[in-house]
């Protein structure tokens, strides 16, 4: 990530954001296909993009989970 110190709270917040995004994308993936072949083609292309986004988010989520297990992650102090 960046040079900035990453806090545990930041990681937890980002994890929540990713999980919300994945939930919305999951809804998109499971939409029923249109009856019209041209529309189906567009929908399938959109599903490919969505699946690519899901893959990227899952990769980031895995990295965050690993970082959260790391005891060197700083706790935010106020």
N, C-alpha and C. Protein backbone atom coordinates (compact mmCIF):
# COMPACT_ATOMS: atom_id res chain seq x y z
N UNK A 1 0.84 -1.17 0.00
CA UNK A 1 0.00 0.00 0.00
C UNK A 1 0.89 1.24 0.00
N UNK A 2 0.56 2.27 0.74
CA UNK A 2 1.31 3.52 0.71
C UNK A 2 2.33 3.56 1.84
N UNK A 3 3.10 4.65 1.89
CA UNK A 3 4.07 4.85 2.95
C UNK A 3 3.41 5.18 4.28
N UNK A 4 2.16 5.66 4.24
CA UNK A 4 1.46 6.01 5.46
C UNK A 4 1.33 4.77 6.35
N UNK A 5 1.35 5.02 7.66
CA UNK A 5 1.12 3.93 8.60
C UNK A 5 -0.32 3.46 8.43
N UNK A 6 -0.49 2.18 8.38
CA UNK A 6 -1.82 1.60 8.23
C UNK A 6 -2.28 1.14 9.61
N UNK A 7 -3.43 1.65 10.03
CA UNK A 7 -3.94 1.27 11.34
C UNK A 7 -4.90 0.10 11.22
N UNK A 8 -5.06 -0.58 12.32
CA UNK A 8 -5.99 -1.70 12.37
C UNK A 8 -7.41 -1.22 12.07
N UNK A 9 -7.76 -0.04 12.59
CA UNK A 9 -9.10 0.50 12.36
C UNK A 9 -9.34 0.78 10.87
N UNK A 10 -8.31 1.28 10.19
CA UNK A 10 -8.42 1.53 8.75
C UNK A 10 -8.65 0.22 8.00
N UNK A 11 -7.92 -0.81 8.38
CA UNK A 11 -8.06 -2.11 7.72
C UNK A 11 -9.46 -2.69 7.95
N UNK A 12 -9.96 -2.55 9.17
CA UNK A 12 -11.29 -3.06 9.48
C UNK A 12 -12.35 -2.30 8.68
N UNK A 13 -12.17 -0.99 8.57
CA UNK A 13 -13.11 -0.17 7.79
C UNK A 13 -13.08 -0.58 6.32
N UNK A 14 -11.89 -0.75 5.78
CA UNK A 14 -11.77 -1.15 4.37
C UNK A 14 -12.36 -2.52 4.14
N UNK A 15 -12.15 -3.44 5.09
CA UNK A 15 -12.73 -4.78 4.98
C UNK A 15 -14.25 -4.69 4.90
N UNK A 16 -14.85 -3.84 5.72
CA UNK A 16 -16.31 -3.66 5.70
C UNK A 16 -16.78 -3.11 4.36
N UNK A 17 -16.03 -2.15 3.82
CA UNK A 17 -16.37 -1.58 2.51
C UNK A 17 -16.32 -2.65 1.43
N UNK A 18 -15.28 -3.46 1.46
CA UNK A 18 -15.13 -4.52 0.45
C UNK A 18 -16.27 -5.52 0.55
N UNK A 19 -16.61 -5.93 1.77
CA UNK A 19 -17.70 -6.89 1.95
C UNK A 19 -19.02 -6.33 1.43
N UNK A 20 -19.26 -5.03 1.64
CA UNK A 20 -20.48 -4.40 1.12
C UNK A 20 -20.47 -4.40 -0.40
N UNK A 21 -19.32 -4.07 -1.00
CA UNK A 21 -19.20 -4.07 -2.46
C UNK A 21 -19.43 -5.48 -3.01
N UNK A 22 -18.85 -6.47 -2.36
CA UNK A 22 -19.02 -7.84 -2.83
C UNK A 22 -20.48 -8.26 -2.77
N UNK A 23 -21.19 -7.81 -1.75
CA UNK A 23 -22.62 -8.12 -1.65
C UNK A 23 -23.41 -7.53 -2.81
N UNK A 24 -23.09 -6.28 -3.16
CA UNK A 24 -23.79 -5.64 -4.29
C UNK A 24 -23.43 -6.32 -5.61
N UNK A 25 -22.17 -6.66 -5.77
CA UNK A 25 -21.74 -7.31 -7.01
C UNK A 25 -22.34 -8.70 -7.14
N UNK A 26 -22.50 -9.39 -6.02
CA UNK A 26 -23.11 -10.72 -6.04
C UNK A 26 -24.54 -10.64 -6.58
N UNK A 27 -25.25 -9.59 -6.19
CA UNK A 27 -26.61 -9.39 -6.71
C UNK A 27 -26.58 -9.23 -8.23
N UNK A 28 -25.61 -8.46 -8.74
CA UNK A 28 -25.50 -8.24 -10.18
C UNK A 28 -25.22 -9.54 -10.93
N UNK A 29 -24.39 -10.38 -10.36
CA UNK A 29 -24.00 -11.63 -11.02
C UNK A 29 -25.19 -12.57 -11.17
N UNK A 30 -26.08 -12.55 -10.19
CA UNK A 30 -27.19 -13.51 -10.18
C UNK A 30 -28.47 -12.99 -10.82
N UNK A 31 -28.40 -11.85 -11.50
CA UNK A 31 -29.57 -11.36 -12.23
C UNK A 31 -29.89 -12.28 -13.39
N UNK A 32 -31.16 -12.45 -13.65
CA UNK A 32 -31.60 -13.32 -14.75
C UNK A 32 -31.27 -12.66 -16.09
N UNK A 33 -30.87 -13.48 -17.04
CA UNK A 33 -30.54 -12.97 -18.37
C UNK A 33 -31.81 -12.60 -19.14
N UNK A 34 -31.68 -11.59 -19.95
CA UNK A 34 -32.76 -11.12 -20.82
C UNK A 34 -33.05 -12.18 -21.88
N UNK A 35 -34.24 -12.15 -22.43
CA UNK A 35 -34.60 -13.11 -23.48
C UNK A 35 -33.98 -12.76 -24.83
N UNK A 36 -33.70 -11.49 -25.03
CA UNK A 36 -33.17 -11.03 -26.31
C UNK A 36 -31.67 -11.34 -26.39
N UNK A 37 -31.22 -12.03 -27.46
CA UNK A 37 -29.81 -12.43 -27.57
C UNK A 37 -28.81 -11.27 -27.51
N UNK A 38 -29.15 -10.14 -28.14
CA UNK A 38 -28.23 -9.00 -28.12
C UNK A 38 -28.07 -8.46 -26.70
N UNK A 39 -29.18 -8.41 -25.98
CA UNK A 39 -29.14 -7.93 -24.60
C UNK A 39 -28.37 -8.93 -23.72
N UNK A 40 -28.55 -10.21 -23.99
CA UNK A 40 -27.81 -11.25 -23.25
C UNK A 40 -26.30 -11.07 -23.44
N UNK A 41 -25.91 -10.76 -24.66
CA UNK A 41 -24.49 -10.57 -24.96
C UNK A 41 -23.92 -9.43 -24.12
N UNK A 42 -24.66 -8.34 -24.03
CA UNK A 42 -24.22 -7.20 -23.21
C UNK A 42 -24.16 -7.59 -21.74
N UNK A 43 -25.17 -8.30 -21.29
CA UNK A 43 -25.21 -8.73 -19.89
C UNK A 43 -24.03 -9.65 -19.56
N UNK A 44 -23.69 -10.54 -20.48
CA UNK A 44 -22.58 -11.45 -20.24
C UNK A 44 -21.25 -10.70 -20.19
N UNK A 45 -21.10 -9.69 -21.03
CA UNK A 45 -19.89 -8.87 -20.98
C UNK A 45 -19.81 -8.13 -19.65
N UNK A 46 -20.93 -7.63 -19.19
CA UNK A 46 -20.97 -6.93 -17.91
C UNK A 46 -20.65 -7.89 -16.76
N UNK A 47 -21.11 -9.12 -16.89
CA UNK A 47 -20.81 -10.12 -15.85
C UNK A 47 -19.31 -10.41 -15.80
N UNK A 48 -18.67 -10.43 -16.96
CA UNK A 48 -17.22 -10.66 -16.98
C UNK A 48 -16.48 -9.55 -16.24
N UNK A 49 -16.91 -8.32 -16.46
CA UNK A 49 -16.31 -7.18 -15.75
C UNK A 49 -16.57 -7.32 -14.25
N UNK A 50 -17.79 -7.66 -13.90
CA UNK A 50 -18.15 -7.82 -12.49
C UNK A 50 -17.32 -8.92 -11.84
N UNK A 51 -17.15 -10.03 -12.53
CA UNK A 51 -16.35 -11.13 -11.98
C UNK A 51 -14.89 -10.71 -11.80
N UNK A 52 -14.39 -9.90 -12.71
CA UNK A 52 -13.03 -9.38 -12.57
C UNK A 52 -12.92 -8.49 -11.34
N UNK A 53 -13.93 -7.66 -11.12
CA UNK A 53 -13.95 -6.80 -9.93
C UNK A 53 -14.01 -7.63 -8.66
N UNK A 54 -14.82 -8.67 -8.67
CA UNK A 54 -14.95 -9.55 -7.51
C UNK A 54 -13.60 -10.21 -7.21
N UNK A 55 -12.92 -10.64 -8.25
CA UNK A 55 -11.60 -11.26 -8.08
C UNK A 55 -10.63 -10.29 -7.42
N UNK A 56 -10.60 -9.05 -7.90
CA UNK A 56 -9.71 -8.04 -7.33
C UNK A 56 -10.05 -7.72 -5.88
N UNK A 57 -11.34 -7.59 -5.59
CA UNK A 57 -11.76 -7.31 -4.22
C UNK A 57 -11.43 -8.46 -3.29
N UNK A 58 -11.62 -9.68 -3.76
CA UNK A 58 -11.28 -10.85 -2.93
C UNK A 58 -9.79 -10.91 -2.65
N UNK A 59 -8.98 -10.53 -3.63
CA UNK A 59 -7.53 -10.50 -3.43
C UNK A 59 -7.18 -9.46 -2.36
N UNK A 60 -7.76 -8.27 -2.48
CA UNK A 60 -7.50 -7.22 -1.49
C UNK A 60 -7.99 -7.64 -0.11
N UNK A 61 -9.15 -8.29 -0.06
CA UNK A 61 -9.70 -8.76 1.21
C UNK A 61 -8.76 -9.76 1.87
N UNK A 62 -8.20 -10.65 1.08
CA UNK A 62 -7.27 -11.64 1.62
C UNK A 62 -6.03 -10.95 2.19
N UNK A 63 -5.53 -9.94 1.47
CA UNK A 63 -4.36 -9.19 1.96
C UNK A 63 -4.68 -8.48 3.26
N UNK A 64 -5.87 -7.90 3.36
CA UNK A 64 -6.28 -7.22 4.59
C UNK A 64 -6.37 -8.20 5.75
N UNK A 65 -6.95 -9.36 5.49
CA UNK A 65 -7.07 -10.37 6.55
C UNK A 65 -5.69 -10.78 7.07
N UNK A 66 -4.75 -10.94 6.16
CA UNK A 66 -3.38 -11.28 6.56
C UNK A 66 -2.77 -10.16 7.39
N UNK A 67 -2.98 -8.92 6.95
CA UNK A 67 -2.44 -7.78 7.69
C UNK A 67 -3.07 -7.66 9.07
N UNK A 68 -4.35 -7.97 9.18
CA UNK A 68 -5.02 -7.90 10.48
C UNK A 68 -4.46 -8.95 11.45
N UNK A 69 -3.99 -10.05 10.91
CA UNK A 69 -3.38 -11.08 11.76
C UNK A 69 -1.98 -10.69 12.21
N UNK A 70 -1.37 -9.76 11.49
CA UNK A 70 -0.02 -9.30 11.81
C UNK A 70 -0.06 -8.43 13.07
N UNK A 71 0.69 -8.78 14.06
CA UNK A 71 0.65 -8.04 15.30
C UNK A 71 1.38 -6.71 15.23
N UNK A 72 2.06 -6.43 14.12
CA UNK A 72 2.77 -5.16 13.97
C UNK A 72 1.86 -4.03 13.49
N UNK A 73 0.60 -4.36 13.13
CA UNK A 73 -0.31 -3.33 12.67
C UNK A 73 -0.64 -2.43 13.86
N UNK A 74 -0.52 -1.13 13.61
CA UNK A 74 -0.70 -0.16 14.70
C UNK A 74 -2.15 0.01 15.10
N UNK A 75 -2.37 0.15 16.40
CA UNK A 75 -3.66 0.52 16.93
C UNK A 75 -3.75 2.03 16.90
N UNK A 76 -4.88 2.55 16.49
CA UNK A 76 -5.06 4.00 16.46
C UNK A 76 -5.31 4.47 17.88
N UNK A 77 -4.60 5.50 18.30
CA UNK A 77 -4.79 6.06 19.63
C UNK A 77 -5.27 7.50 19.50
N UNK A 78 -6.27 7.82 20.27
CA UNK A 78 -6.84 9.18 20.18
C UNK A 78 -6.51 9.98 21.42
